[in-house]
C-alpha atoms as a PDB file:
ATOM      1  CA  MET A   1     -33.578  -0.714   9.633  1.00  0.00           C
ATOM      2  CA  ASP A   2     -32.580  -2.472   6.205  1.00  0.00           C
ATOM      3  CA  ARG A   3     -30.304  -5.509   6.837  1.00  0.00           C
ATOM      4  CA  HIS A   4     -28.245  -4.587   4.090  1.00  0.00           C
ATOM      5  CA  ALA A   5     -26.896  -1.587   5.657  1.00  0.00           C
ATOM      6  CA  LEU A   6     -25.755  -3.738   8.827  1.00  0.00           C
ATOM      7  CA  PRO A   7     -22.592  -4.849   7.021  1.00  0.00           C
ATOM      8  CA  LEU A   8     -21.617  -1.432   6.356  1.00  0.00           C
ATOM      9  CA  LEU A   9     -22.500  -0.533   9.481  1.00  0.00           C
ATOM     10  CA  GLY A  10     -19.761  -2.862  11.004  1.00  0.00           C
ATOM     11  CA  GLN A  11     -17.225  -1.796   8.831  1.00  0.00           C
ATOM     12  CA  LEU A  12     -17.643   1.669   9.739  1.00  0.00           C
ATOM     13  CA  ARG A  13     -17.920   0.957  13.626  1.00  0.00           C
ATOM     14  CA  ALA A  14     -14.314  -1.191  13.150  1.00  0.00           C
ATOM     15  CA  LEU A  15     -12.815   1.587  10.958  1.00  0.00           C
ATOM     16  CA  ALA A  16     -13.727   4.230  13.968  1.00  0.00           C
ATOM     17  CA  ILE A  17     -12.126   1.610  16.568  1.00  0.00           C
ATOM     18  CA  ALA A  18      -9.052   1.643  13.940  1.00  0.00           C
ATOM     19  CA  LEU A  19      -9.192   5.087  13.596  1.00  0.00           C
ATOM     20  CA  CYS A  20      -9.387   5.871  17.771  1.00  0.00           C
ATOM     21  CA  ILE A  21      -6.490   3.401  18.139  1.00  0.00           C
ATOM     22  CA  ALA A  22      -4.532   5.210  15.808  1.00  0.00           C
ATOM     23  CA  ALA A  23      -4.940   8.633  17.043  1.00  0.00           C
ATOM     24  CA  THR A  24      -4.318   7.646  20.423  1.00  0.00           C
ATOM     25  CA  ALA A  25      -1.026   5.800  19.104  1.00  0.00           C
ATOM     26  CA  ALA A  26      -0.078   9.255  17.367  1.00  0.00           C
ATOM     27  CA  GLY A  27       1.202  10.705  20.932  1.00  0.00           C
ATOM     28  CA  CYS A  28       3.976   8.087  21.392  1.00  0.00           C
ATOM     29  CA  ALA A  29       4.908   7.045  18.159  1.00  0.00           C
ATOM     30  CA  ALA A  30       8.406   7.519  17.050  1.00  0.00           C
ATOM     31  CA  THR A  31       7.759   8.037  13.468  1.00  0.00           C
ATOM     32  CA  ARG A  32       6.980  11.594  12.343  1.00  0.00           C
ATOM     33  CA  PHE A  33       2.921  11.809  12.623  1.00  0.00           C
ATOM     34  CA  GLU A  34       2.708  14.300   9.660  1.00  0.00           C
ATOM     35  CA  GLU A  35       5.083  15.137   6.440  1.00  0.00           C
ATOM     36  CA  ALA A  36       4.859  18.471   4.963  1.00  0.00           C
ATOM     37  CA  ARG A  37       4.751  18.173   1.083  1.00  0.00           C
ATOM     38  CA  PRO A  38       7.770  19.957  -0.175  1.00  0.00           C
ATOM     39  CA  GLY A  39       7.322  22.670  -2.833  1.00  0.00           C
ATOM     40  CA  ALA A  40       7.557  22.101  -6.436  1.00  0.00           C
ATOM     41  CA  ASP A  41      11.532  23.092  -7.096  1.00  0.00           C
ATOM     42  CA  VAL A  42      12.418  20.166  -4.953  1.00  0.00           C
ATOM     43  CA  ARG A  43       9.501  17.727  -5.621  1.00  0.00           C
ATOM     44  CA  THR A  44       9.470  17.794  -9.729  1.00  0.00           C
ATOM     45  CA  PRO A  45      12.766  16.698  -9.869  1.00  0.00           C
ATOM     46  CA  ARG A  46      12.587  14.210  -7.442  1.00  0.00           C
ATOM     47  CA  ASP A  47       9.515  12.817  -9.259  1.00  0.00           C
ATOM     48  CA  ALA A  48      10.785  12.790 -12.527  1.00  0.00           C
ATOM     49  CA  GLU A  49      13.849  10.536 -11.337  1.00  0.00           C
ATOM     50  CA  THR A  50      11.524   8.414  -9.271  1.00  0.00           C
ATOM     51  CA  LEU A  51       9.769   7.684 -12.473  1.00  0.00           C
ATOM     52  CA  ALA A  52      12.946   6.814 -14.155  1.00  0.00           C
ATOM     53  CA  ARG A  53      14.181   4.658 -12.050  1.00  0.00           C
ATOM     54  CA  VAL A  54      10.742   2.744 -11.141  1.00  0.00           C
ATOM     55  CA  ARG A  55      10.403   2.177 -15.286  1.00  0.00           C
ATOM     56  CA  GLU A  56      14.264   1.153 -15.601  1.00  0.00           C
ATOM     57  CA  LEU A  57      14.181  -1.300 -12.711  1.00  0.00           C
ATOM     58  CA  GLY A  58      10.731  -2.591 -11.896  1.00  0.00           C
ATOM     59  CA  ARG A  59       8.738  -5.204 -13.523  1.00  0.00           C
ATOM     60  CA  ASP A  60       5.158  -6.166 -13.529  1.00  0.00           C
ATOM     61  CA  GLY A  61       3.922  -7.369 -10.045  1.00  0.00           C
ATOM     62  CA  ASP A  62       6.378  -5.409  -8.189  1.00  0.00           C
ATOM     63  CA  TRP A  63       5.422  -3.461  -5.003  1.00  0.00           C
ATOM     64  CA  LEU A  64       5.685   0.385  -4.772  1.00  0.00           C
ATOM     65  CA  VAL A  65       5.576   1.068  -0.702  1.00  0.00           C
ATOM     66  CA  ILE A  66       5.446   4.413   0.304  1.00  0.00           C
ATOM     67  CA  ARG A  67       4.747   7.269   2.947  1.00  0.00           C
ATOM     68  CA  GLY A  68       2.163   9.376   1.881  1.00  0.00           C
ATOM     69  CA  TYR A  69       0.556  12.951   2.506  1.00  0.00           C
ATOM     70  CA  HIS A  70      -3.075  11.969   3.249  1.00  0.00           C
ATOM     71  CA  VAL A  71      -4.247  12.041   6.492  1.00  0.00           C
ATOM     72  CA  SER A  72      -5.067   8.130   6.053  1.00  0.00           C
ATOM     73  CA  ASP A  73      -1.495   8.124   5.728  1.00  0.00           C
ATOM     74  CA  ASN A  74      -0.748   9.861   8.968  1.00  0.00           C
ATOM     75  CA  LEU A  75      -2.903   7.679  10.630  1.00  0.00           C
ATOM     76  CA  VAL A  76      -1.240   4.258   9.627  1.00  0.00           C
ATOM     77  CA  ALA A  77       1.796   5.603  10.377  1.00  0.00           C
ATOM     78  CA  ALA A  78       1.138   6.649  13.358  1.00  0.00           C
ATOM     79  CA  PHE A  79      -1.096   3.300  14.298  1.00  0.00           C
ATOM     80  CA  THR A  80       1.907   1.013  12.789  1.00  0.00           C
ATOM     81  CA  ASN A  81       5.097   3.179  14.221  1.00  0.00           C
ATOM     82  CA  LYS A  82       6.565   2.491  10.861  1.00  0.00           C
ATOM     83  CA  PRO A  83       7.720   5.230   7.925  1.00  0.00           C
ATOM     84  CA  PHE A  84       5.583   3.585   5.472  1.00  0.00           C
ATOM     85  CA  SER A  85       1.484   3.999   4.996  1.00  0.00           C
ATOM     86  CA  HIS A  86       0.476   2.671   1.789  1.00  0.00           C
ATOM     87  CA  ALA A  87       1.025   0.069  -1.052  1.00  0.00           C
ATOM     88  CA  ALA A  88       0.679  -0.797  -4.786  1.00  0.00           C
ATOM     89  CA  VAL A  89       0.894  -3.240  -7.569  1.00  0.00           C
ATOM     90  CA  LEU A  90       3.313  -2.013 -10.322  1.00  0.00           C
ATOM     91  CA  ASP A  91       1.341  -2.546 -13.474  1.00  0.00           C
ATOM     92  CA  LEU A  92       4.818  -1.600 -15.825  1.00  0.00           C
ATOM     93  CA  GLU A  93       2.950  -2.724 -18.885  1.00  0.00           C
ATOM     94  CA  ARG A  94       0.244  -0.123 -18.483  1.00  0.00           C
ATOM     95  CA  ASP A  95       2.333   2.644 -16.595  1.00  0.00           C
ATOM     96  CA  GLN A  96       0.019   2.582 -13.493  1.00  0.00           C
ATOM     97  CA  VAL A  97      -0.146   1.281 -10.410  1.00  0.00           C
ATOM     98  CA  ILE A  98      -3.099  -0.953  -8.954  1.00  0.00           C
ATOM     99  CA  GLU A  99      -3.986   0.427  -5.350  1.00  0.00           C
ATOM    100  CA  ALA A 100      -6.553  -0.364  -2.782  1.00  0.00           C
ATOM    101  CA  GLU A 101      -8.253   2.676  -1.019  1.00  0.00           C
ATOM    102  CA  SER A 102     -11.612   3.335   0.983  1.00  0.00           C
ATOM    103  CA  PRO A 103     -13.308   3.541  -2.516  1.00  0.00           C
ATOM    104  CA  GLY A 104     -12.063   0.574  -3.447  1.00  0.00           C
ATOM    105  CA  VAL A 105      -9.397  -1.468  -5.858  1.00  0.00           C
ATOM    106  CA  HIS A 106      -8.642   0.964  -8.684  1.00  0.00           C
ATOM    107  CA  VAL A 107      -6.030   1.541 -11.158  1.00  0.00           C
ATOM    108  CA  THR A 108      -3.921   5.532 -10.796  1.00  0.00           C
ATOM    109  CA  PRO A 109      -1.261   6.531 -13.289  1.00  0.00           C
ATOM    110  CA  LEU A 110       2.253   5.966 -12.339  1.00  0.00           C
ATOM    111  CA  ALA A 111       3.131   9.466 -12.378  1.00  0.00           C
ATOM    112  CA  GLU A 112       0.148  10.204  -9.830  1.00  0.00           C
ATOM    113  CA  PHE A 113       0.855   7.941  -7.456  1.00  0.00           C
ATOM    114  CA  VAL A 114       4.711   8.803  -7.532  1.00  0.00           C
ATOM    115  CA  ALA A 115       3.691  12.624  -6.920  1.00  0.00           C
ATOM    116  CA  LYS A 116       2.084  11.741  -3.718  1.00  0.00           C
ATOM    117  CA  SER A 117       4.810   9.899  -2.238  1.00  0.00           C
ATOM    118  CA  HIS A 118       7.205  11.605   0.293  1.00  0.00           C
ATOM    119  CA  ARG A 119       9.207   7.997   0.216  1.00  0.00           C
ATOM    120  CA  LEU A 120       9.117   5.469  -2.031  1.00  0.00           C
ATOM    121  CA  LEU A 121      10.349   1.769  -2.140  1.00  0.00           C
ATOM    122  CA  LEU A 122      10.391  -0.263  -5.305  1.00  0.00           C
ATOM    123  CA  VAL A 123      10.192  -4.022  -3.747  1.00  0.00           C
ATOM    124  CA  ARG A 124      10.582  -7.385  -5.519  1.00  0.00           C
ATOM    125  CA  PRO A 125       8.194  -9.720  -3.888  1.00  0.00           C
ATOM    126  CA  ILE A 126      10.476 -12.733  -2.671  1.00  0.00           C
ATOM    127  CA  TRP A 127       7.975 -14.853  -4.992  1.00  0.00           C
ATOM    128  CA  SER A 128       8.679 -13.197  -7.782  1.00  0.00           C
ATOM    129  CA  ASN A 129       9.874 -14.561 -11.003  1.00  0.00           C
ATOM    130  CA  ALA A 130       9.488 -13.529 -14.467  1.00  0.00           C
ATOM    131  CA  SER A 131       6.982 -15.780 -15.321  1.00  0.00           C
ATOM    132  CA  ASN A 132       4.640 -15.899 -12.118  1.00  0.00           C
ATOM    133  CA  ALA A 133       4.711 -12.171 -11.455  1.00  0.00           C
ATOM    134  CA  ARG A 134       2.071 -11.521 -14.933  1.00  0.00           C
ATOM    135  CA  VAL A 135       0.281 -14.146 -13.089  1.00  0.00           C
ATOM    136  CA  ALA A 136       0.576 -12.075 -10.037  1.00  0.00           C
ATOM    137  CA  LEU A 137      -0.296  -8.912 -12.001  1.00  0.00           C
ATOM    138  CA  GLN A 138      -3.389 -10.593 -13.724  1.00  0.00           C
ATOM    139  CA  MET A 139      -4.748 -11.083 -10.519  1.00  0.00           C
ATOM    140  CA  ALA A 140      -4.226  -7.744  -8.937  1.00  0.00           C
ATOM    141  CA  ARG A 141      -6.086  -6.665 -12.432  1.00  0.00           C
ATOM    142  CA  ASP A 142      -9.243  -8.896 -11.846  1.00  0.00           C
ATOM    143  CA  VAL A 143      -9.624  -7.560  -8.514  1.00  0.00           C
ATOM    144  CA  VAL A 144     -10.401  -3.479  -9.884  1.00  0.00           C
ATOM    145  CA  GLY A 145     -13.629  -2.705  -8.622  1.00  0.00           C
ATOM    146  CA  LYS A 146     -13.497  -4.583  -5.407  1.00  0.00           C
ATOM    147  CA  ARG A 147     -14.583  -3.271  -2.089  1.00  0.00           C
ATOM    148  CA  TYR A 148     -12.132  -1.800   0.453  1.00  0.00           C
ATOM    149  CA  ASP A 149     -11.368  -4.099   3.401  1.00  0.00           C
ATOM    150  CA  PHE A 150     -12.068  -1.952   6.402  1.00  0.00           C
ATOM    151  CA  LEU A 151     -12.340  -4.730   8.465  1.00  0.00           C
ATOM    152  CA  GLY A 152      -9.071  -6.333   7.381  1.00  0.00           C
ATOM    153  CA  LEU A 153      -7.363  -3.495   9.046  1.00  0.00           C
ATOM    154  CA  VAL A 154      -8.179  -5.171  12.444  1.00  0.00           C
ATOM    155  CA  GLY A 155      -7.561  -8.805  11.748  1.00  0.00           C
ATOM    156  CA  MET A 156     -11.188  -9.694  10.250  1.00  0.00           C
ATOM    157  CA  ASP A 157     -10.463 -11.172   6.993  1.00  0.00           C
ATOM    158  CA  VAL A 158     -13.467 -10.102   4.603  1.00  0.00           C
ATOM    159  CA  PRO A 159     -13.337 -12.284   1.270  1.00  0.00           C
ATOM    160  CA  ASP A 160     -13.373 -10.423  -1.779  1.00  0.00           C
ATOM    161  CA  ALA A 161     -12.285  -7.117  -0.426  1.00  0.00           C
ATOM    162  CA  TYR A 162      -9.161  -5.954  -0.025  1.00  0.00           C
ATOM    163  CA  TYR A 163      -6.754  -3.051   1.969  1.00  0.00           C
ATOM    164  CA  CYS A 164      -3.629  -1.914   0.213  1.00  0.00           C
ATOM    165  CA  SER A 165      -0.974  -4.421   1.969  1.00  0.00           C
ATOM    166  CA  GLU A 166      -3.440  -6.974   1.473  1.00  0.00           C
ATOM    167  CA  LEU A 167      -3.625  -6.743  -2.237  1.00  0.00           C
ATOM    168  CA  ALA A 168      -0.117  -6.835  -2.582  1.00  0.00           C
ATOM    169  CA  ILE A 169       0.293 -10.096  -0.488  1.00  0.00           C
ATOM    170  CA  ALA A 170      -3.169 -11.631  -1.853  1.00  0.00           C
ATOM    171  CA  ILE A 171      -1.867 -11.812  -5.444  1.00  0.00           C
ATOM    172  CA  TYR A 172       1.106 -13.852  -4.431  1.00  0.00           C
ATOM    173  CA  ARG A 173      -1.087 -16.055  -2.054  1.00  0.00           C
ATOM    174  CA  PRO A 174      -0.961 -19.390  -3.961  1.00  0.00           C
ATOM    175  CA  LEU A 175       2.946 -18.950  -3.791  1.00  0.00           C
ATOM    176  CA  ILE A 176       3.289 -18.326   0.161  1.00  0.00           C
ATOM    177  CA  ARG A 177       4.900 -21.100   2.212  1.00  0.00           C
ATOM    178  CA  PRO A 178       3.793 -21.432   5.982  1.00  0.00           C
ATOM    179  CA  SER A 179       7.625 -21.006   7.129  1.00  0.00           C
ATOM    180  CA  ASP A 180       7.154 -17.286   5.252  1.00  0.00           C
ATOM    181  CA  LYS A 181       4.865 -16.379   8.464  1.00  0.00           C
ATOM    182  CA  VAL A 182       2.766 -13.653   7.082  1.00  0.00           C
ATOM    183  CA  PRO A 183       0.851 -12.154   9.253  1.00  0.00           C
ATOM    184  CA  ARG A 184      -2.703 -10.873   9.353  1.00  0.00           C
ATOM    185  CA  PRO A 185      -3.178  -8.234   9.069  1.00  0.00           C
ATOM    186  CA  VAL A 186       0.149  -7.667   7.220  1.00  0.00           C
ATOM    187  CA  GLU A 187       1.261  -3.536   7.191  1.00  0.00           C
ATOM    188  CA  PRO A 188       2.943  -1.312   4.038  1.00  0.00           C
ATOM    189  CA  GLY A 189       5.746  -1.081   6.114  1.00  0.00           C
ATOM    190  CA  GLN A 190       6.197  -4.629   6.726  1.00  0.00           C
ATOM    191  CA  LEU A 191       6.081  -5.880   3.204  1.00  0.00           C
ATOM    192  CA  HIS A 192      10.012  -5.057   2.448  1.00  0.00           C
ATOM    193  CA  PHE A 193      10.129  -8.313   4.803  1.00  0.00           C
ATOM    194  CA  TRP A 194       9.017 -10.491   2.039  1.00  0.00           C
ATOM    195  CA  GLY A 195      11.201  -8.660  -0.648  1.00  0.00           C
ATOM    196  CA  ARG A 196      14.389  -7.173  -2.005  1.00  0.00           C
ATOM    197  CA  ILE A 197      14.483  -3.521  -2.120  1.00  0.00           C
ATOM    198  CA  LEU A 198      15.268  -2.268  -5.699  1.00  0.00           C
ATOM    199  CA  TYR A 199      15.244   1.518  -5.341  1.00  0.00           C
ATOM    200  CA  ASP A 200      14.955   3.899  -1.987  1.00  0.00           C
ATOM    201  CA  THR A 201      13.957   7.642  -2.633  1.00  0.00           C
ATOM    202  CA  GLY A 202      14.463   8.453   0.977  1.00  0.00           C
ATOM    203  CA  ALA A 203      12.322  11.002   2.331  1.00  0.00           C
ATOM    204  CA  PHE A 204      12.465  14.596   1.192  1.00  0.00           C
ATOM    205  CA  PRO A 205      14.767  16.700   3.227  1.00  0.00           C
ATOM    206  CA  ASP A 206      13.495  18.922   5.998  1.00  0.00           C
END
C-alpha cells in the first residue's frame, strides 16, 4: 500500500467512528435529529431579514453559528445534543463567510450560507475588538484551501487542518487566556459561551 495513503485511511477510520457514535447518540438526543426545510414562501422573507440584520449588526471576524439541513448537520446535532451544527467566520467586507467543511476550508457567499440555515446566531467573540477582528479575519482568509480536520472531531489535533468551530477559535487563539478554558474539540453549539449573541433568528416554526 502507498505510504501516502495511510494518513487518509486514518482520517476516514476516525470519521467512521465519530459517525457511528453520532448515529447511536441520535436515539437518545433531546435535540431533533432532522429539520425540515420550509417552503419558499416562509424561507425567502426570513432569509432576506437575516441577511439585512447580519449586514447591519455584524463585523469582520464575527461568528455565524447555524443549524443546517445537510446529513452532516443532523449527525453533529445528534452527537452533541445541541441545536447547532455548523459555524463560519464572517467576512462582511466581501459579503461572504469562510467555513471548514469536508472538502476543506473555503469561502461561501453570505446569502448562500444564510439559505442553508434553519436557525442562525450572529456571535461577537469575547476577544474581538475593532482592530484585532480584522487581524483574525485575515488569519481565516490565509487558511482558505487547507484540509478539513477529521481527526480533530474526536480530539486529535492535526496541524494546518480545521473543522468548522476549530477554525472559528483558531483565528483568535493568540488572544485566548488559560482562564477561558476553551476545550479541544470545541462544538459549534458551544461557541456562544465565548461570545455575545448579537442576533438570533430562532428556528423556523413547525
